[in-house]
């Protein structure tokens, strides 16, 4: 009979997330985790098969934490810009988790659609908001989301990696200029969507 787990999955994942928040993904080891839980490393493996399984669950938990930031944009106008501001705030306040989610090598990535699918409800909330606020169809909403997300991602990377710092006013102005520029090009017909909204598998 296998040993009874000393800790729940949730307890182990929460401990792992705190280690990553402080030391980065490279700091998450079975020994560090055991220390954080006040135990040896052994009980961890009564809950998870191996560290790879734990890494995967920790990443899902980190995405939930990011979603908590993004949800704070609900009720703001425009919603989409506020989501961008929350993403950058996440990069500033949770740089190690930002790196885990958005700066880790992804061997399976084939294009932006793959990234879009990992963003879950946050991405769908943005697409719906763009359609509603600016009268765009979903294909053009996806186009403006793609351009604006990549731009916002770049700012987040600069902040999370401590290459640059920006004031809230600077970030707000940069996001507005990028969004208005792309929206103007779409409405003028100078750039057109040739993509569709990728569907979850």
N, C-alpha and C. Protein backbone atom coordinates (compact mmCIF):
# COMPACT_ATOMS: atom_id res chain seq x y z
N UNK A 1 0.85 -1.20 0.00
CA UNK A 1 0.00 0.00 0.00
C UNK A 1 0.89 1.25 0.00
N UNK A 2 0.64 2.19 -0.94
CA UNK A 2 1.46 3.41 -0.98
C UNK A 2 1.25 4.26 0.26
N UNK A 3 2.30 5.03 0.64
CA UNK A 3 2.17 5.86 1.84
C UNK A 3 1.10 6.93 1.66
N UNK A 4 0.42 7.25 2.74
CA UNK A 4 -0.61 8.29 2.71
C UNK A 4 0.05 9.66 2.57
N UNK A 5 -0.42 10.49 1.62
CA UNK A 5 0.19 11.81 1.43
C UNK A 5 0.16 12.64 2.71
N UNK A 6 1.29 13.24 3.02
CA UNK A 6 1.38 14.08 4.21
C UNK A 6 0.82 15.47 3.94
N UNK A 7 0.88 15.87 2.65
CA UNK A 7 0.40 17.19 2.23
C UNK A 7 -0.57 17.02 1.07
N UNK A 8 -1.47 17.97 0.92
CA UNK A 8 -2.38 17.96 -0.22
C UNK A 8 -1.67 18.52 -1.45
N UNK A 9 -2.21 18.26 -2.62
CA UNK A 9 -1.64 18.81 -3.85
C UNK A 9 -1.61 20.33 -3.79
N UNK A 10 -2.70 20.91 -3.29
CA UNK A 10 -2.79 22.36 -3.22
C UNK A 10 -1.69 22.94 -2.34
N UNK A 11 -1.42 22.30 -1.22
CA UNK A 11 -0.37 22.78 -0.32
C UNK A 11 0.99 22.73 -0.99
N UNK A 12 1.26 21.65 -1.71
CA UNK A 12 2.55 21.51 -2.38
C UNK A 12 2.68 22.53 -3.51
N UNK A 13 1.61 22.70 -4.29
CA UNK A 13 1.65 23.66 -5.40
C UNK A 13 1.83 25.08 -4.88
N UNK A 14 1.13 25.44 -3.81
CA UNK A 14 1.27 26.79 -3.25
C UNK A 14 2.69 27.03 -2.75
N UNK A 15 3.27 26.01 -2.12
CA UNK A 15 4.66 26.14 -1.65
C UNK A 15 5.61 26.30 -2.84
N UNK A 16 5.37 25.53 -3.89
CA UNK A 16 6.20 25.61 -5.10
C UNK A 16 6.10 26.99 -5.73
N UNK A 17 4.89 27.54 -5.76
CA UNK A 17 4.69 28.85 -6.38
C UNK A 17 5.42 29.94 -5.60
N UNK A 18 5.44 29.83 -4.29
CA UNK A 18 6.16 30.82 -3.47
C UNK A 18 7.66 30.72 -3.70
N UNK A 19 8.17 29.50 -3.85
CA UNK A 19 9.60 29.34 -4.14
C UNK A 19 9.95 29.96 -5.49
N UNK A 20 9.11 29.70 -6.50
CA UNK A 20 9.36 30.27 -7.83
C UNK A 20 9.27 31.79 -7.78
N UNK A 21 8.31 32.33 -7.02
CA UNK A 21 8.15 33.79 -6.91
C UNK A 21 9.41 34.43 -6.35
N UNK A 22 10.08 33.71 -5.45
CA UNK A 22 11.26 34.26 -4.79
C UNK A 22 12.56 33.95 -5.53
N UNK A 23 12.68 32.70 -6.03
CA UNK A 23 13.97 32.24 -6.56
C UNK A 23 13.95 31.89 -8.05
N UNK A 24 12.77 31.93 -8.66
CA UNK A 24 12.68 31.53 -10.06
C UNK A 24 12.49 30.03 -10.18
N UNK A 25 12.16 29.57 -11.40
CA UNK A 25 11.89 28.16 -11.62
C UNK A 25 13.10 27.30 -11.31
N UNK A 26 14.30 27.85 -11.52
CA UNK A 26 15.52 27.07 -11.25
C UNK A 26 15.70 26.82 -9.75
N UNK A 27 15.03 27.60 -8.91
CA UNK A 27 15.14 27.42 -7.47
C UNK A 27 14.20 26.36 -6.92
N UNK A 28 13.29 25.86 -7.78
CA UNK A 28 12.33 24.86 -7.33
C UNK A 28 12.96 23.47 -7.42
N UNK A 29 13.38 22.95 -6.29
CA UNK A 29 13.91 21.60 -6.20
C UNK A 29 13.13 20.85 -5.13
N UNK A 30 13.24 19.54 -5.14
CA UNK A 30 12.54 18.75 -4.14
C UNK A 30 13.04 19.09 -2.74
N UNK A 31 14.32 19.37 -2.63
CA UNK A 31 14.88 19.72 -1.31
C UNK A 31 14.33 21.06 -0.82
N UNK A 32 14.31 22.06 -1.70
CA UNK A 32 13.77 23.37 -1.34
C UNK A 32 12.29 23.26 -0.96
N UNK A 33 11.59 22.44 -1.70
CA UNK A 33 10.16 22.27 -1.44
C UNK A 33 9.94 21.61 -0.09
N UNK A 34 10.74 20.58 0.20
CA UNK A 34 10.63 19.92 1.50
C UNK A 34 10.90 20.88 2.64
N UNK A 35 11.93 21.72 2.48
CA UNK A 35 12.26 22.72 3.49
C UNK A 35 11.11 23.69 3.70
N UNK A 36 10.52 24.16 2.59
CA UNK A 36 9.39 25.10 2.68
C UNK A 36 8.19 24.49 3.39
N UNK A 37 8.04 23.18 3.25
CA UNK A 37 6.91 22.50 3.87
C UNK A 37 7.24 21.98 5.28
N UNK A 38 8.50 22.18 5.68
CA UNK A 38 8.91 21.69 7.00
C UNK A 38 9.03 20.19 7.03
N UNK A 39 9.53 19.63 5.93
CA UNK A 39 9.60 18.18 5.80
C UNK A 39 10.83 17.80 4.99
N UNK A 40 11.03 16.51 4.80
CA UNK A 40 12.04 16.04 3.87
C UNK A 40 11.47 16.15 2.45
N UNK A 41 12.29 15.86 1.45
CA UNK A 41 11.82 15.92 0.06
C UNK A 41 10.89 14.76 -0.27
N UNK A 42 10.97 13.69 0.49
CA UNK A 42 10.26 12.47 0.15
C UNK A 42 8.74 12.62 0.06
N UNK A 43 8.07 13.30 1.01
CA UNK A 43 6.60 13.39 0.93
C UNK A 43 6.06 14.03 -0.34
N UNK A 44 6.88 14.85 -0.99
CA UNK A 44 6.44 15.50 -2.23
C UNK A 44 6.05 14.45 -3.26
N UNK A 45 6.78 13.36 -3.30
CA UNK A 45 6.57 12.35 -4.33
C UNK A 45 5.47 11.35 -3.97
N UNK A 46 4.80 11.58 -2.86
CA UNK A 46 3.57 10.84 -2.59
C UNK A 46 2.37 11.58 -3.19
N UNK A 47 2.62 12.81 -3.64
CA UNK A 47 1.56 13.64 -4.25
C UNK A 47 1.77 13.76 -5.75
N UNK A 48 3.03 13.87 -6.18
CA UNK A 48 3.36 14.00 -7.60
C UNK A 48 4.30 12.88 -8.03
N UNK A 49 4.16 12.45 -9.27
CA UNK A 49 5.01 11.37 -9.78
C UNK A 49 6.47 11.80 -9.87
N UNK A 50 6.67 13.05 -10.32
CA UNK A 50 8.02 13.56 -10.51
C UNK A 50 7.98 15.08 -10.51
N UNK A 51 9.14 15.71 -10.63
CA UNK A 51 9.21 17.18 -10.59
C UNK A 51 8.60 17.80 -11.84
N UNK A 52 8.66 17.12 -12.97
CA UNK A 52 8.07 17.67 -14.19
C UNK A 52 6.56 17.86 -14.02
N UNK A 53 5.93 16.90 -13.37
CA UNK A 53 4.49 17.02 -13.11
C UNK A 53 4.21 18.21 -12.20
N UNK A 54 5.07 18.41 -11.21
CA UNK A 54 4.91 19.55 -10.30
C UNK A 54 5.13 20.87 -11.04
N UNK A 55 6.16 20.91 -11.92
CA UNK A 55 6.42 22.12 -12.70
C UNK A 55 5.17 22.51 -13.51
N UNK A 56 4.55 21.51 -14.12
CA UNK A 56 3.36 21.76 -14.94
C UNK A 56 2.23 22.34 -14.10
N UNK A 57 2.01 21.77 -12.92
CA UNK A 57 0.94 22.25 -12.05
C UNK A 57 1.26 23.64 -11.50
N UNK A 58 2.54 23.89 -11.23
CA UNK A 58 2.94 25.21 -10.73
C UNK A 58 2.72 26.28 -11.80
N UNK A 59 2.95 25.92 -13.06
CA UNK A 59 2.73 26.87 -14.14
C UNK A 59 1.23 27.20 -14.27
N UNK A 60 0.38 26.18 -14.12
CA UNK A 60 -1.07 26.43 -14.17
C UNK A 60 -1.48 27.36 -13.03
N UNK A 61 -0.89 27.15 -11.86
CA UNK A 61 -1.20 28.00 -10.71
C UNK A 61 -0.73 29.43 -10.94
N UNK A 62 0.43 29.58 -11.60
CA UNK A 62 0.94 30.91 -11.92
C UNK A 62 0.01 31.62 -12.91
N UNK A 63 -0.54 30.85 -13.87
CA UNK A 63 -1.47 31.45 -14.83
C UNK A 63 -2.75 31.89 -14.13
N UNK A 64 -3.19 31.14 -13.13
CA UNK A 64 -4.36 31.55 -12.36
C UNK A 64 -4.09 32.86 -11.63
N UNK A 65 -2.87 33.00 -11.13
CA UNK A 65 -2.51 34.25 -10.45
C UNK A 65 -2.49 35.41 -11.44
N UNK A 66 -2.00 35.16 -12.65
CA UNK A 66 -2.04 36.19 -13.69
C UNK A 66 -3.47 36.55 -14.02
N UNK A 67 -4.34 35.54 -14.11
CA UNK A 67 -5.76 35.78 -14.41
C UNK A 67 -6.40 36.68 -13.35
N UNK A 68 -5.95 36.54 -12.09
CA UNK A 68 -6.48 37.38 -11.02
C UNK A 68 -6.14 38.85 -11.28
N UNK A 69 -4.94 39.09 -11.80
CA UNK A 69 -4.56 40.46 -12.18
C UNK A 69 -5.45 40.94 -13.32
N UNK A 70 -5.60 40.10 -14.36
CA UNK A 70 -6.36 40.50 -15.54
C UNK A 70 -7.83 40.78 -15.21
N UNK A 71 -8.40 40.00 -14.28
CA UNK A 71 -9.81 40.18 -13.93
C UNK A 71 -10.09 41.54 -13.29
N UNK A 72 -9.05 42.16 -12.75
CA UNK A 72 -9.22 43.48 -12.15
C UNK A 72 -9.55 44.54 -13.19
N UNK A 73 -9.38 44.18 -14.46
CA UNK A 73 -9.69 45.12 -15.54
C UNK A 73 -11.18 45.21 -15.81
N UNK A 74 -11.94 44.22 -15.37
CA UNK A 74 -13.38 44.23 -15.59
C UNK A 74 -14.01 45.44 -14.93
N UNK A 75 -14.87 46.11 -15.67
CA UNK A 75 -15.51 47.30 -15.12
C UNK A 75 -14.83 48.59 -15.55
N UNK A 76 -13.60 48.48 -16.11
CA UNK A 76 -12.89 49.66 -16.60
C UNK A 76 -13.24 49.90 -18.06
N UNK A 77 -13.06 51.13 -18.50
CA UNK A 77 -13.23 51.48 -19.90
C UNK A 77 -12.00 52.27 -20.37
N UNK A 78 -11.31 51.79 -21.42
CA UNK A 78 -11.55 50.54 -22.13
C UNK A 78 -10.94 49.35 -21.38
N UNK A 79 -11.64 48.23 -21.43
CA UNK A 79 -11.21 47.02 -20.73
C UNK A 79 -9.87 46.52 -21.26
N UNK A 80 -9.73 46.51 -22.59
CA UNK A 80 -8.54 45.91 -23.21
C UNK A 80 -7.26 46.62 -22.76
N UNK A 81 -7.29 47.93 -22.72
CA UNK A 81 -6.10 48.66 -22.27
C UNK A 81 -5.79 48.34 -20.82
N UNK A 82 -6.82 48.23 -20.00
CA UNK A 82 -6.61 47.94 -18.59
C UNK A 82 -6.00 46.56 -18.39
N UNK A 83 -6.37 45.61 -19.25
CA UNK A 83 -5.75 44.28 -19.18
C UNK A 83 -4.25 44.40 -19.46
N UNK A 84 -3.91 45.22 -20.44
CA UNK A 84 -2.50 45.45 -20.75
C UNK A 84 -1.75 46.06 -19.57
N UNK A 85 -2.37 47.02 -18.93
CA UNK A 85 -1.75 47.65 -17.75
C UNK A 85 -1.58 46.64 -16.62
N UNK A 86 -2.55 45.74 -16.48
CA UNK A 86 -2.46 44.72 -15.43
C UNK A 86 -1.37 43.70 -15.76
N UNK A 87 -1.19 43.40 -17.03
CA UNK A 87 -0.12 42.49 -17.44
C UNK A 87 1.24 43.07 -17.08
N UNK A 88 1.40 44.35 -17.32
CA UNK A 88 2.67 45.01 -17.02
C UNK A 88 2.86 45.14 -15.51
N UNK A 89 1.78 45.37 -14.78
CA UNK A 89 1.86 45.39 -13.32
C UNK A 89 2.29 44.02 -12.79
N UNK A 90 1.77 42.96 -13.41
CA UNK A 90 2.17 41.60 -13.04
C UNK A 90 3.66 41.40 -13.27
N UNK A 91 4.17 41.90 -14.39
CA UNK A 91 5.60 41.79 -14.69
C UNK A 91 6.44 42.53 -13.65
N UNK A 92 5.92 43.64 -13.16
CA UNK A 92 6.64 44.45 -12.17
C UNK A 92 6.59 43.81 -10.78
N UNK A 93 5.41 43.33 -10.38
CA UNK A 93 5.23 42.82 -9.03
C UNK A 93 5.58 41.34 -8.89
N UNK A 94 5.44 40.59 -9.99
CA UNK A 94 5.72 39.15 -9.97
C UNK A 94 6.68 38.78 -11.10
N UNK A 95 7.88 39.37 -11.13
CA UNK A 95 8.77 39.15 -12.28
C UNK A 95 9.15 37.70 -12.52
N UNK A 96 9.34 36.93 -11.45
CA UNK A 96 9.73 35.52 -11.62
C UNK A 96 8.58 34.70 -12.22
N UNK A 97 7.36 35.01 -11.81
CA UNK A 97 6.20 34.30 -12.37
C UNK A 97 5.96 34.74 -13.81
N UNK A 98 6.19 36.02 -14.10
CA UNK A 98 6.08 36.51 -15.48
C UNK A 98 7.06 35.75 -16.37
N UNK A 99 8.30 35.58 -15.87
CA UNK A 99 9.30 34.85 -16.65
C UNK A 99 8.88 33.40 -16.86
N UNK A 100 8.32 32.79 -15.83
CA UNK A 100 7.86 31.41 -15.94
C UNK A 100 6.80 31.28 -17.03
N UNK A 101 5.84 32.20 -17.05
CA UNK A 101 4.71 32.11 -17.98
C UNK A 101 5.06 32.57 -19.38
N UNK A 102 5.83 33.64 -19.50
CA UNK A 102 5.98 34.30 -20.79
C UNK A 102 7.41 34.38 -21.32
N UNK A 103 8.39 33.89 -20.55
CA UNK A 103 9.78 33.99 -21.01
C UNK A 103 10.48 32.65 -20.95
N UNK A 104 9.72 31.57 -20.81
CA UNK A 104 10.31 30.23 -20.81
C UNK A 104 10.31 29.69 -22.22
N UNK A 105 11.35 28.94 -22.56
CA UNK A 105 11.44 28.36 -23.89
C UNK A 105 10.29 27.39 -24.12
N UNK A 106 9.69 27.47 -25.29
CA UNK A 106 8.56 26.61 -25.63
C UNK A 106 8.89 25.87 -26.92
N UNK A 107 9.32 24.63 -26.78
CA UNK A 107 9.74 23.85 -27.94
C UNK A 107 8.59 23.54 -28.89
N UNK A 108 7.35 23.58 -28.39
CA UNK A 108 6.19 23.23 -29.21
C UNK A 108 5.57 24.43 -29.92
N UNK A 109 6.05 25.62 -29.64
CA UNK A 109 5.44 26.81 -30.21
C UNK A 109 5.62 26.85 -31.73
N UNK A 110 4.52 27.05 -32.44
CA UNK A 110 4.57 27.14 -33.90
C UNK A 110 4.15 28.51 -34.39
N UNK A 111 3.52 29.29 -33.55
CA UNK A 111 3.05 30.60 -33.95
C UNK A 111 2.26 31.26 -32.83
N UNK A 112 1.73 32.44 -33.13
CA UNK A 112 1.01 33.19 -32.11
C UNK A 112 -0.23 32.46 -31.62
N UNK A 113 -0.85 31.66 -32.49
CA UNK A 113 -2.06 30.93 -32.10
C UNK A 113 -1.81 30.04 -30.89
N UNK A 114 -0.61 29.47 -30.82
CA UNK A 114 -0.29 28.60 -29.68
C UNK A 114 -0.28 29.39 -28.38
N UNK A 115 0.25 30.61 -28.44
CA UNK A 115 0.29 31.46 -27.26
C UNK A 115 -1.12 31.87 -26.88
N UNK A 116 -1.92 32.24 -27.88
CA UNK A 116 -3.29 32.68 -27.63
C UNK A 116 -4.07 31.63 -26.84
N UNK A 117 -3.90 30.38 -27.22
CA UNK A 117 -4.65 29.30 -26.57
C UNK A 117 -4.25 29.12 -25.11
N UNK A 118 -3.02 29.47 -24.76
CA UNK A 118 -2.59 29.33 -23.36
C UNK A 118 -3.13 30.45 -22.48
N UNK A 119 -3.65 31.53 -23.07
CA UNK A 119 -4.11 32.67 -22.29
C UNK A 119 -5.54 32.51 -21.79
N UNK A 120 -6.24 31.52 -22.30
CA UNK A 120 -7.55 31.16 -21.76
C UNK A 120 -8.57 32.29 -21.72
N UNK A 121 -9.23 32.42 -20.58
CA UNK A 121 -10.34 33.36 -20.43
C UNK A 121 -9.91 34.81 -20.61
N UNK A 122 -8.68 35.13 -20.26
CA UNK A 122 -8.21 36.51 -20.39
C UNK A 122 -8.23 36.94 -21.85
N UNK A 123 -7.75 36.09 -22.75
CA UNK A 123 -7.73 36.42 -24.17
C UNK A 123 -9.15 36.57 -24.71
N UNK A 124 -10.03 35.66 -24.33
CA UNK A 124 -11.41 35.74 -24.80
C UNK A 124 -12.10 37.01 -24.29
N UNK A 125 -11.82 37.40 -23.05
CA UNK A 125 -12.39 38.62 -22.50
C UNK A 125 -11.95 39.82 -23.33
N UNK A 126 -10.67 39.82 -23.73
CA UNK A 126 -10.15 40.93 -24.53
C UNK A 126 -10.80 40.99 -25.90
N UNK A 127 -10.92 39.84 -26.56
CA UNK A 127 -11.54 39.80 -27.89
C UNK A 127 -12.97 40.32 -27.83
N UNK A 128 -13.73 39.85 -26.85
CA UNK A 128 -15.11 40.30 -26.70
C UNK A 128 -15.18 41.81 -26.45
N UNK A 129 -14.28 42.32 -25.62
CA UNK A 129 -14.27 43.75 -25.30
C UNK A 129 -13.94 44.59 -26.53
N UNK A 130 -12.98 44.15 -27.33
CA UNK A 130 -12.61 44.89 -28.54
C UNK A 130 -13.77 44.93 -29.52
N UNK A 131 -14.43 43.79 -29.70
CA UNK A 131 -15.60 43.74 -30.60
C UNK A 131 -16.67 44.71 -30.13
N UNK A 132 -16.95 44.70 -28.84
CA UNK A 132 -18.02 45.52 -28.27
C UNK A 132 -17.68 47.01 -28.30
N UNK A 133 -16.46 47.36 -27.88
CA UNK A 133 -16.09 48.77 -27.72
C UNK A 133 -15.76 49.47 -29.03
N UNK A 134 -15.30 48.71 -30.04
CA UNK A 134 -14.82 49.37 -31.27
C UNK A 134 -15.52 48.89 -32.53
N UNK A 135 -16.55 48.07 -32.38
CA UNK A 135 -17.35 47.67 -33.53
C UNK A 135 -16.60 46.83 -34.55
N UNK A 136 -15.64 46.03 -34.09
CA UNK A 136 -14.87 45.19 -35.00
C UNK A 136 -15.43 43.78 -35.00
N UNK A 137 -15.25 43.07 -36.14
CA UNK A 137 -15.59 41.65 -36.14
C UNK A 137 -14.48 40.90 -35.41
N UNK A 138 -14.71 39.61 -35.17
CA UNK A 138 -13.77 38.84 -34.35
C UNK A 138 -12.41 38.68 -35.02
N UNK A 139 -12.39 38.60 -36.35
CA UNK A 139 -11.10 38.46 -37.04
C UNK A 139 -10.23 39.70 -36.86
N UNK A 140 -10.84 40.88 -37.01
CA UNK A 140 -10.07 42.12 -36.82
C UNK A 140 -9.76 42.36 -35.35
N UNK A 141 -10.65 41.92 -34.48
CA UNK A 141 -10.37 42.01 -33.05
C UNK A 141 -9.16 41.16 -32.69
N UNK A 142 -9.05 39.99 -33.32
CA UNK A 142 -7.90 39.12 -33.10
C UNK A 142 -6.62 39.79 -33.61
N UNK A 143 -6.73 40.48 -34.74
CA UNK A 143 -5.58 41.16 -35.31
C UNK A 143 -5.06 42.25 -34.38
N UNK A 144 -5.98 43.06 -33.86
CA UNK A 144 -5.56 44.14 -32.96
C UNK A 144 -5.07 43.57 -31.63
N UNK A 145 -5.67 42.47 -31.18
CA UNK A 145 -5.20 41.81 -29.96
C UNK A 145 -3.76 41.33 -30.16
N UNK A 146 -3.49 40.71 -31.28
CA UNK A 146 -2.17 40.16 -31.56
C UNK A 146 -1.11 41.26 -31.55
N UNK A 147 -1.34 42.34 -32.29
CA UNK A 147 -0.37 43.44 -32.34
C UNK A 147 -0.16 44.06 -30.96
N UNK A 148 -1.24 44.33 -30.28
CA UNK A 148 -1.16 45.01 -28.99
C UNK A 148 -0.55 44.11 -27.92
N UNK A 149 -0.89 42.81 -27.96
CA UNK A 149 -0.34 41.89 -26.97
C UNK A 149 1.17 41.76 -27.12
N UNK A 150 1.63 41.63 -28.36
CA UNK A 150 3.08 41.50 -28.60
C UNK A 150 3.79 42.76 -28.11
N UNK A 151 3.23 43.92 -28.36
CA UNK A 151 3.83 45.19 -27.91
C UNK A 151 3.85 45.24 -26.38
N UNK A 152 2.73 44.89 -25.76
CA UNK A 152 2.64 44.89 -24.30
C UNK A 152 3.59 43.86 -23.70
N UNK A 153 3.68 42.71 -24.33
CA UNK A 153 4.60 41.66 -23.90
C UNK A 153 6.03 42.19 -23.87
N UNK A 154 6.40 42.93 -24.91
CA UNK A 154 7.75 43.48 -24.97
C UNK A 154 8.06 44.41 -23.81
N UNK A 155 7.10 45.25 -23.45
CA UNK A 155 7.29 46.14 -22.30
C UNK A 155 7.42 45.30 -21.03
N UNK A 156 6.58 44.27 -20.91
CA UNK A 156 6.63 43.40 -19.74
C UNK A 156 7.98 42.71 -19.60
N UNK A 157 8.53 42.25 -20.71
CA UNK A 157 9.85 41.59 -20.69
C UNK A 157 10.92 42.56 -20.21
N UNK A 158 10.90 43.79 -20.71
CA UNK A 158 11.88 44.79 -20.28
C UNK A 158 11.81 45.04 -18.78
N UNK A 159 10.59 45.05 -18.26
CA UNK A 159 10.41 45.30 -16.82
C UNK A 159 10.78 44.08 -16.00
N UNK A 160 10.29 42.91 -16.40
CA UNK A 160 10.55 41.69 -15.62
C UNK A 160 12.03 41.33 -15.59
N UNK A 161 12.74 41.65 -16.67
CA UNK A 161 14.18 41.36 -16.73
C UNK A 161 15.02 42.50 -16.19
N UNK A 162 14.34 43.56 -15.72
CA UNK A 162 15.00 44.73 -15.11
C UNK A 162 15.96 45.43 -16.08
N UNK A 163 15.57 45.43 -17.36
CA UNK A 163 16.33 46.17 -18.37
C UNK A 163 15.91 47.63 -18.39
N UNK A 164 14.59 47.87 -18.27
CA UNK A 164 14.04 49.22 -18.27
C UNK A 164 12.97 49.33 -17.19
N UNK A 165 12.72 50.55 -16.78
CA UNK A 165 11.57 50.82 -15.91
C UNK A 165 10.80 51.98 -16.50
N UNK A 166 9.49 51.97 -16.31
CA UNK A 166 8.62 53.00 -16.85
C UNK A 166 7.63 53.43 -15.78
N UNK A 167 7.22 54.68 -15.84
CA UNK A 167 6.17 55.14 -14.94
C UNK A 167 4.83 54.63 -15.47
N UNK A 168 3.82 54.65 -14.61
CA UNK A 168 2.49 54.22 -15.03
C UNK A 168 1.98 55.10 -16.16
N UNK A 169 2.29 56.40 -16.10
CA UNK A 169 1.85 57.33 -17.15
C UNK A 169 2.53 57.00 -18.48
N UNK A 170 3.81 56.65 -18.44
CA UNK A 170 4.53 56.31 -19.67
C UNK A 170 3.93 55.05 -20.29
N UNK A 171 3.67 54.06 -19.47
CA UNK A 171 3.09 52.81 -19.97
C UNK A 171 1.72 53.06 -20.58
N UNK A 172 0.89 53.82 -19.89
CA UNK A 172 -0.45 54.12 -20.38
C UNK A 172 -0.39 54.82 -21.74
N UNK A 173 0.53 55.77 -21.87
CA UNK A 173 0.67 56.51 -23.12
C UNK A 173 1.16 55.59 -24.24
N UNK A 174 2.12 54.72 -23.94
CA UNK A 174 2.65 53.81 -24.97
C UNK A 174 1.58 52.86 -25.46
N UNK A 175 0.79 52.30 -24.54
CA UNK A 175 -0.26 51.37 -24.94
C UNK A 175 -1.33 52.06 -25.77
N UNK A 176 -1.68 53.29 -25.39
CA UNK A 176 -2.69 54.03 -26.14
C UNK A 176 -2.23 54.31 -27.56
N UNK A 177 -0.98 54.75 -27.71
CA UNK A 177 -0.45 55.06 -29.04
C UNK A 177 -0.42 53.82 -29.93
N UNK A 178 0.02 52.69 -29.38
CA UNK A 178 0.07 51.46 -30.16
C UNK A 178 -1.33 51.02 -30.58
N UNK A 179 -2.27 51.04 -29.65
CA UNK A 179 -3.62 50.59 -29.94
C UNK A 179 -4.28 51.48 -31.00
N UNK A 180 -4.18 52.78 -30.81
CA UNK A 180 -4.82 53.71 -31.76
C UNK A 180 -4.19 53.57 -33.14
N UNK A 181 -2.88 53.38 -33.19
CA UNK A 181 -2.19 53.22 -34.47
C UNK A 181 -2.70 52.01 -35.23
N UNK A 182 -2.78 50.87 -34.56
CA UNK A 182 -3.25 49.65 -35.22
C UNK A 182 -4.73 49.77 -35.58
N UNK A 183 -5.54 50.31 -34.68
CA UNK A 183 -6.96 50.48 -34.95
C UNK A 183 -7.19 51.37 -36.17
N UNK A 184 -6.43 52.44 -36.28
CA UNK A 184 -6.55 53.37 -37.42
C UNK A 184 -6.22 52.66 -38.72
N UNK A 185 -5.16 51.84 -38.71
CA UNK A 185 -4.77 51.12 -39.92
C UNK A 185 -5.84 50.10 -40.32
N UNK A 186 -6.43 49.44 -39.34
CA UNK A 186 -7.48 48.47 -39.63
C UNK A 186 -8.70 49.16 -40.23
N UNK A 187 -9.12 50.27 -39.61
CA UNK A 187 -10.33 50.96 -40.08
C UNK A 187 -10.12 51.63 -41.43
N UNK A 188 -8.86 51.95 -41.76
CA UNK A 188 -8.57 52.56 -43.05
C UNK A 188 -8.40 51.51 -44.15
N UNK A 189 -8.35 50.25 -43.74
CA UNK A 189 -8.18 49.17 -44.71
C UNK A 189 -6.75 48.92 -45.12
N UNK A 190 -5.80 49.59 -44.45
CA UNK A 190 -4.39 49.46 -44.84
C UNK A 190 -3.76 48.17 -44.33
N UNK A 191 -4.34 47.58 -43.28
CA UNK A 191 -3.96 46.22 -42.90
C UNK A 191 -5.23 45.43 -42.69
N UNK A 192 -5.21 44.20 -43.12
CA UNK A 192 -6.40 43.36 -43.04
C UNK A 192 -6.07 42.06 -42.36
N UNK A 193 -7.07 41.52 -41.69
CA UNK A 193 -6.90 40.25 -41.00
C UNK A 193 -6.91 39.11 -42.01
N UNK A 194 -5.99 38.17 -41.79
CA UNK A 194 -5.99 36.96 -42.60
C UNK A 194 -5.97 35.76 -41.66
N UNK A 195 -6.50 35.97 -40.46
CA UNK A 195 -6.48 34.91 -39.45
C UNK A 195 -7.88 34.73 -38.86
N UNK A 196 -8.05 33.66 -38.17
CA UNK A 196 -9.29 33.39 -37.44
C UNK A 196 -8.96 33.16 -35.99
N UNK A 197 -9.98 33.16 -35.15
CA UNK A 197 -9.76 32.91 -33.74
C UNK A 197 -9.45 31.42 -33.56
N UNK A 198 -8.27 31.08 -33.05
CA UNK A 198 -7.99 29.66 -32.85
C UNK A 198 -8.92 29.06 -31.82
N UNK A 199 -9.35 27.84 -32.07
CA UNK A 199 -10.27 27.16 -31.16
C UNK A 199 -9.52 26.26 -30.21
N UNK A 200 -10.01 26.19 -28.97
CA UNK A 200 -9.40 25.29 -27.98
C UNK A 200 -9.62 23.85 -28.40
N UNK A 201 -8.56 23.06 -28.20
CA UNK A 201 -8.64 21.65 -28.56
C UNK A 201 -9.23 20.85 -27.41
